[in-house]
PDB file of N, CA and C in Angstrom:
ATOM      1  N   MET A   1       0.832  -1.176   0.000  1.00  0.00           N
ATOM      2  CA  MET A   1       0.000   0.000   0.000  1.00  0.00           C
ATOM      3  C   MET A   1       0.886   1.251   0.000  1.00  0.00           C
ATOM      4  N   ARG A   2       1.943   1.207   0.771  1.00  0.00           N
ATOM      5  CA  ARG A   2       2.835   2.362   0.832  1.00  0.00           C
ATOM      6  C   ARG A   2       3.357   2.697  -0.560  1.00  0.00           C
ATOM      7  N   HIS A   3       3.631   1.666  -1.362  1.00  0.00           N
ATOM      8  CA  HIS A   3       4.113   1.880  -2.734  1.00  0.00           C
ATOM      9  C   HIS A   3       3.123   2.733  -3.522  1.00  0.00           C
ATOM     10  N   PHE A   4       1.842   2.408  -3.437  1.00  0.00           N
ATOM     11  CA  PHE A   4       0.838   3.146  -4.193  1.00  0.00           C
ATOM     12  C   PHE A   4       0.640   4.555  -3.645  1.00  0.00           C
ATOM     13  N   GLU A   5       0.702   4.706  -2.319  1.00  0.00           N
ATOM     14  CA  GLU A   5       0.598   6.047  -1.743  1.00  0.00           C
ATOM     15  C   GLU A   5       1.779   6.906  -2.187  1.00  0.00           C
ATOM     16  N   ASP A   6       2.980   6.314  -2.155  1.00  0.00           N
ATOM     17  CA  ASP A   6       4.168   7.055  -2.588  1.00  0.00           C
ATOM     18  C   ASP A   6       4.076   7.425  -4.065  1.00  0.00           C
ATOM     19  N   LYS A   7       3.580   6.499  -4.864  1.00  0.00           N
ATOM     20  CA  LYS A   7       3.436   6.767  -6.297  1.00  0.00           C
ATOM     21  C   LYS A   7       2.449   7.912  -6.529  1.00  0.00           C
ATOM     22  N   LEU A   8       1.375   7.923  -5.771  1.00  0.00           N
ATOM     23  CA  LEU A   8       0.378   8.980  -5.888  1.00  0.00           C
ATOM     24  C   LEU A   8       0.974  10.322  -5.479  1.00  0.00           C
ATOM     25  N   LYS A   9       1.722  10.342  -4.384  1.00  0.00           N
ATOM     26  CA  LYS A   9       2.352  11.584  -3.927  1.00  0.00           C
ATOM     27  C   LYS A   9       3.376  12.074  -4.940  1.00  0.00           C
ATOM     28  N   THR A  10       4.195  11.154  -5.443  1.00  0.00           N
ATOM     29  CA  THR A  10       5.224  11.517  -6.415  1.00  0.00           C
ATOM     30  C   THR A  10       4.590  12.060  -7.685  1.00  0.00           C
ATOM     31  N   SER A  11       3.543  11.421  -8.122  1.00  0.00           N
ATOM     32  CA  SER A  11       2.844  11.859  -9.329  1.00  0.00           C
ATOM     33  C   SER A  11       2.326  13.281  -9.155  1.00  0.00           C
ATOM     34  N   SER A  12       1.764  13.564  -8.001  1.00  0.00           N
ATOM     35  CA  SER A  12       1.229  14.897  -7.735  1.00  0.00           C
ATOM     36  C   SER A  12       2.348  15.918  -7.552  1.00  0.00           C
ATOM     37  N   ALA A  13       3.396  15.525  -6.842  1.00  0.00           N
ATOM     38  CA  ALA A  13       4.485  16.454  -6.547  1.00  0.00           C
ATOM     39  C   ALA A  13       5.300  16.794  -7.781  1.00  0.00           C
ATOM     40  N   ASN A  14       5.430  15.861  -8.700  1.00  0.00           N
ATOM     41  CA  ASN A  14       6.242  16.083  -9.891  1.00  0.00           C
ATOM     42  C   ASN A  14       5.512  16.856 -10.983  1.00  0.00           C
ATOM     43  N   SER A  15       4.245  17.012 -10.831  1.00  0.00           N
ATOM     44  CA  SER A  15       3.480  17.712 -11.853  1.00  0.00           C
ATOM     45  C   SER A  15       3.707  19.215 -11.731  1.00  0.00           C
ATOM     46  N   SER A  16       4.039  19.830 -12.841  1.00  0.00           N
ATOM     47  CA  SER A  16       4.224  21.279 -12.828  1.00  0.00           C
ATOM     48  C   SER A  16       2.884  21.995 -13.023  1.00  0.00           C
ATOM     49  N   LYS A  17       1.860  21.235 -13.367  1.00  0.00           N
ATOM     50  CA  LYS A  17       0.525  21.798 -13.556  1.00  0.00           C
ATOM     51  C   LYS A  17      -0.312  21.533 -12.310  1.00  0.00           C
ATOM     52  N   SER A  18      -1.287  22.357 -12.092  1.00  0.00           N
ATOM     53  CA  SER A  18      -2.205  22.091 -10.999  1.00  0.00           C
ATOM     54  C   SER A  18      -3.073  20.898 -11.383  1.00  0.00           C
ATOM     55  N   PRO A  19      -3.604  20.158 -10.390  1.00  0.00           N
ATOM     56  CA  PRO A  19      -4.440  18.994 -10.703  1.00  0.00           C
ATOM     57  C   PRO A  19      -5.619  19.323 -11.616  1.00  0.00           C
ATOM     58  N   SER A  20      -6.149  20.526 -11.499  1.00  0.00           N
ATOM     59  CA  SER A  20      -7.301  20.880 -12.323  1.00  0.00           C
ATOM     60  C   SER A  20      -6.935  21.049 -13.790  1.00  0.00           C
ATOM     61  N   SER A  21      -5.647  21.263 -14.080  1.00  0.00           N
ATOM     62  CA  SER A  21      -5.250  21.433 -15.483  1.00  0.00           C
ATOM     63  C   SER A  21      -4.646  20.159 -16.074  1.00  0.00           C
ATOM     64  N   ASP A  22      -4.614  19.071 -15.299  1.00  0.00           N
ATOM     65  CA  ASP A  22      -4.133  17.801 -15.820  1.00  0.00           C
ATOM     66  C   ASP A  22      -5.043  17.311 -16.941  1.00  0.00           C
ATOM     67  N   GLY A  23      -4.463  16.576 -17.835  1.00  0.00           N
ATOM     68  CA  GLY A  23      -5.245  15.996 -18.924  1.00  0.00           C
ATOM     69  C   GLY A  23      -6.024  14.788 -18.455  1.00  0.00           C
ATOM     70  N   PRO A  24      -6.853  14.234 -19.323  1.00  0.00           N
ATOM     71  CA  PRO A  24      -7.683  13.076 -18.961  1.00  0.00           C
ATOM     72  C   PRO A  24      -6.857  11.872 -18.499  1.00  0.00           C
ATOM     73  N   LYS A  25      -5.701  11.667 -19.124  1.00  0.00           N
ATOM     74  CA  LYS A  25      -4.856  10.524 -18.757  1.00  0.00           C
ATOM     75  C   LYS A  25      -4.345  10.660 -17.324  1.00  0.00           C
ATOM     76  N   GLU A  26      -3.861  11.844 -16.979  1.00  0.00           N
ATOM     77  CA  GLU A  26      -3.346  12.069 -15.631  1.00  0.00           C
ATOM     78  C   GLU A  26      -4.447  11.956 -14.584  1.00  0.00           C
ATOM     79  N   ARG A  27      -5.616  12.544 -14.893  1.00  0.00           N
ATOM     80  CA  ARG A  27      -6.746  12.464 -13.951  1.00  0.00           C
ATOM     81  C   ARG A  27      -7.176  11.020 -13.752  1.00  0.00           C
ATOM     82  N   ALA A  28      -7.237  10.248 -14.826  1.00  0.00           N
ATOM     83  CA  ALA A  28      -7.650   8.848 -14.724  1.00  0.00           C
ATOM     84  C   ALA A  28      -6.655   8.049 -13.892  1.00  0.00           C
ATOM     85  N   GLU A  29      -5.360   8.292 -14.098  1.00  0.00           N
ATOM     86  CA  GLU A  29      -4.330   7.588 -13.332  1.00  0.00           C
ATOM     87  C   GLU A  29      -4.423   7.938 -11.850  1.00  0.00           C
ATOM     88  N   ARG A  30      -4.595   9.218 -11.534  1.00  0.00           N
ATOM     89  CA  ARG A  30      -4.708   9.648 -10.135  1.00  0.00           C
ATOM     90  C   ARG A  30      -5.961   9.057  -9.488  1.00  0.00           C
ATOM     91  N   LYS A  31      -7.060   9.048 -10.227  1.00  0.00           N
ATOM     92  CA  LYS A  31      -8.310   8.500  -9.708  1.00  0.00           C
ATOM     93  C   LYS A  31      -8.164   7.003  -9.436  1.00  0.00           C
ATOM     94  N   LYS A  32      -7.495   6.308 -10.349  1.00  0.00           N
ATOM     95  CA  LYS A  32      -7.286   4.872 -10.191  1.00  0.00           C
ATOM     96  C   LYS A  32      -6.413   4.584  -8.966  1.00  0.00           C
ATOM     97  N   LEU A  33      -5.355   5.353  -8.791  1.00  0.00           N
ATOM     98  CA  LEU A  33      -4.473   5.155  -7.638  1.00  0.00           C
ATOM     99  C   LEU A  33      -5.200   5.451  -6.326  1.00  0.00           C
ATOM    100  N   LYS A  34      -5.977   6.517  -6.300  1.00  0.00           N
ATOM    101  CA  LYS A  34      -6.720   6.849  -5.085  1.00  0.00           C
ATOM    102  C   LYS A  34      -7.705   5.740  -4.731  1.00  0.00           C
ATOM    103  N   ALA A  35      -8.415   5.219  -5.740  1.00  0.00           N
ATOM    104  CA  ALA A  35      -9.379   4.144  -5.502  1.00  0.00           C
ATOM    105  C   ALA A  35      -8.675   2.890  -4.999  1.00  0.00           C
ATOM    106  N   LEU A  36      -7.498   2.606  -5.544  1.00  0.00           N
ATOM    107  CA  LEU A  36      -6.744   1.443  -5.115  1.00  0.00           C
ATOM    108  C   LEU A  36      -6.286   1.588  -3.663  1.00  0.00           C
ATOM    109  N   VAL A  37      -5.801   2.752  -3.298  1.00  0.00           N
ATOM    110  CA  VAL A  37      -5.373   2.987  -1.914  1.00  0.00           C
ATOM    111  C   VAL A  37      -6.557   2.837  -0.966  1.00  0.00           C
ATOM    112  N   VAL A  38      -7.710   3.376  -1.333  1.00  0.00           N
ATOM    113  CA  VAL A  38      -8.906   3.263  -0.491  1.00  0.00           C
ATOM    114  C   VAL A  38      -9.308   1.796  -0.339  1.00  0.00           C
ATOM    115  N   ALA A  39      -9.302   1.046  -1.436  1.00  0.00           N
ATOM    116  CA  ALA A  39      -9.687  -0.361  -1.387  1.00  0.00           C
ATOM    117  C   ALA A  39      -8.734  -1.162  -0.503  1.00  0.00           C
ATOM    118  N   ILE A  40      -7.448  -0.886  -0.615  1.00  0.00           N
ATOM    119  CA  ILE A  40      -6.464  -1.595   0.208  1.00  0.00           C
ATOM    120  C   ILE A  40      -6.661  -1.255   1.677  1.00  0.00           C
ATOM    121  N   ARG A  41      -6.892   0.016   1.976  1.00  0.00           N
ATOM    122  CA  ARG A  41      -7.119   0.413   3.377  1.00  0.00           C
ATOM    123  C   ARG A  41      -8.360  -0.269   3.948  1.00  0.00           C
ATOM    124  N   GLU A  42      -9.438  -0.320   3.171  1.00  0.00           N
ATOM    125  CA  GLU A  42     -10.666  -0.965   3.640  1.00  0.00           C
ATOM    126  C   GLU A  42     -10.434  -2.448   3.906  1.00  0.00           C
ATOM    127  N   GLU A  43      -9.723  -3.104   3.006  1.00  0.00           N
ATOM    128  CA  GLU A  43      -9.425  -4.525   3.181  1.00  0.00           C
ATOM    129  C   GLU A  43      -8.553  -4.744   4.418  1.00  0.00           C
ATOM    130  N   LEU A  44      -7.540  -3.903   4.604  1.00  0.00           N
ATOM    131  CA  LEU A  44      -6.693  -4.030   5.786  1.00  0.00           C
ATOM    132  C   LEU A  44      -7.486  -3.797   7.069  1.00  0.00           C
ATOM    133  N   ASN A  45      -8.376  -2.815   7.058  1.00  0.00           N
ATOM    134  CA  ASN A  45      -9.216  -2.575   8.232  1.00  0.00           C
ATOM    135  C   ASN A  45     -10.081  -3.785   8.542  1.00  0.00           C
ATOM    136  N   TRP A  46     -10.633  -4.404   7.510  1.00  0.00           N
ATOM    137  CA  TRP A  46     -11.483  -5.578   7.686  1.00  0.00           C
ATOM    138  C   TRP A  46     -10.674  -6.738   8.254  1.00  0.00           C
ATOM    139  N   VAL A  47      -9.490  -6.973   7.678  1.00  0.00           N
ATOM    140  CA  VAL A  47      -8.638  -8.073   8.123  1.00  0.00           C
ATOM    141  C   VAL A  47      -8.156  -7.838   9.550  1.00  0.00           C
ATOM    142  N   THR A  48      -7.687  -6.627   9.840  1.00  0.00           N
ATOM    143  CA  THR A  48      -7.165  -6.365  11.179  1.00  0.00           C
ATOM    144  C   THR A  48      -8.287  -6.355  12.218  1.00  0.00           C
ATOM    145  N   LYS A  49      -9.492  -5.988  11.823  1.00  0.00           N
ATOM    146  CA  LYS A  49     -10.620  -6.063  12.747  1.00  0.00           C
ATOM    147  C   LYS A  49     -10.845  -7.503  13.146  1.00  0.00           C
ATOM    148  N   GLY A  50     -10.788  -8.419  12.184  1.00  0.00           N
ATOM    149  CA  GLY A  50     -10.940  -9.836  12.485  1.00  0.00           C
ATOM    150  C   GLY A  50      -9.848 -10.349  13.400  1.00  0.00           C
ATOM    151  N   ILE A  51      -8.641  -9.890  13.187  1.00  0.00           N
ATOM    152  CA  ILE A  51      -7.513 -10.287  14.044  1.00  0.00           C
ATOM    153  C   ILE A  51      -7.717  -9.752  15.448  1.00  0.00           C
ATOM    154  N   ASN A  52      -8.102  -8.481  15.558  1.00  0.00           N
ATOM    155  CA  ASN A  52      -8.332  -7.890  16.877  1.00  0.00           C
ATOM    156  C   ASN A  52      -9.485  -8.568  17.597  1.00  0.00           C
ATOM    157  N   ASP A  53     -10.547  -8.901  16.870  1.00  0.00           N
ATOM    158  CA  ASP A  53     -11.691  -9.581  17.490  1.00  0.00           C
ATOM    159  C   ASP A  53     -11.282 -10.943  18.021  1.00  0.00           C
ATOM    160  N   ASN A  54     -10.458 -11.667  17.258  1.00  0.00           N
ATOM    161  CA  ASN A  54     -10.024 -13.000  17.679  1.00  0.00           C
ATOM    162  C   ASN A  54      -9.052 -12.956  18.839  1.00  0.00           C
ATOM    163  N   SER A  55      -8.261 -11.910  18.933  1.00  0.00           N
ATOM    164  CA  SER A  55      -7.253 -11.832  19.994  1.00  0.00           C
ATOM    165  C   SER A  55      -7.885 -11.543  21.351  1.00  0.00           C
ATOM    166  N   GLN A  56      -9.119 -11.061  21.351  1.00  0.00           N
ATOM    167  CA  GLN A  56      -9.783 -10.755  22.618  1.00  0.00           C
ATOM    168  C   GLN A  56     -10.443 -11.974  23.227  1.00  0.00           C
ATOM    169  N   ASN A  57     -10.509 -13.078  22.486  1.00  0.00           N
ATOM    170  CA  ASN A  57     -11.137 -14.311  22.997  1.00  0.00           C
ATOM    171  C   ASN A  57     -10.187 -15.112  23.836  1.00  0.00           C
TER     172      ASN A  57
END
């Protein structure tokens, strides 16, 4: 997950244009990376919740 977050940050930081002036390709790539990071975080939360629930038994 850190890899994708870093890639998203690098992509944004290296752009000399503001996000609103990015072309369709850049916007699509950023949107895809953001969705992937969100999905990974949700999955990790679900998995770790199960681990935490089991450790209390």
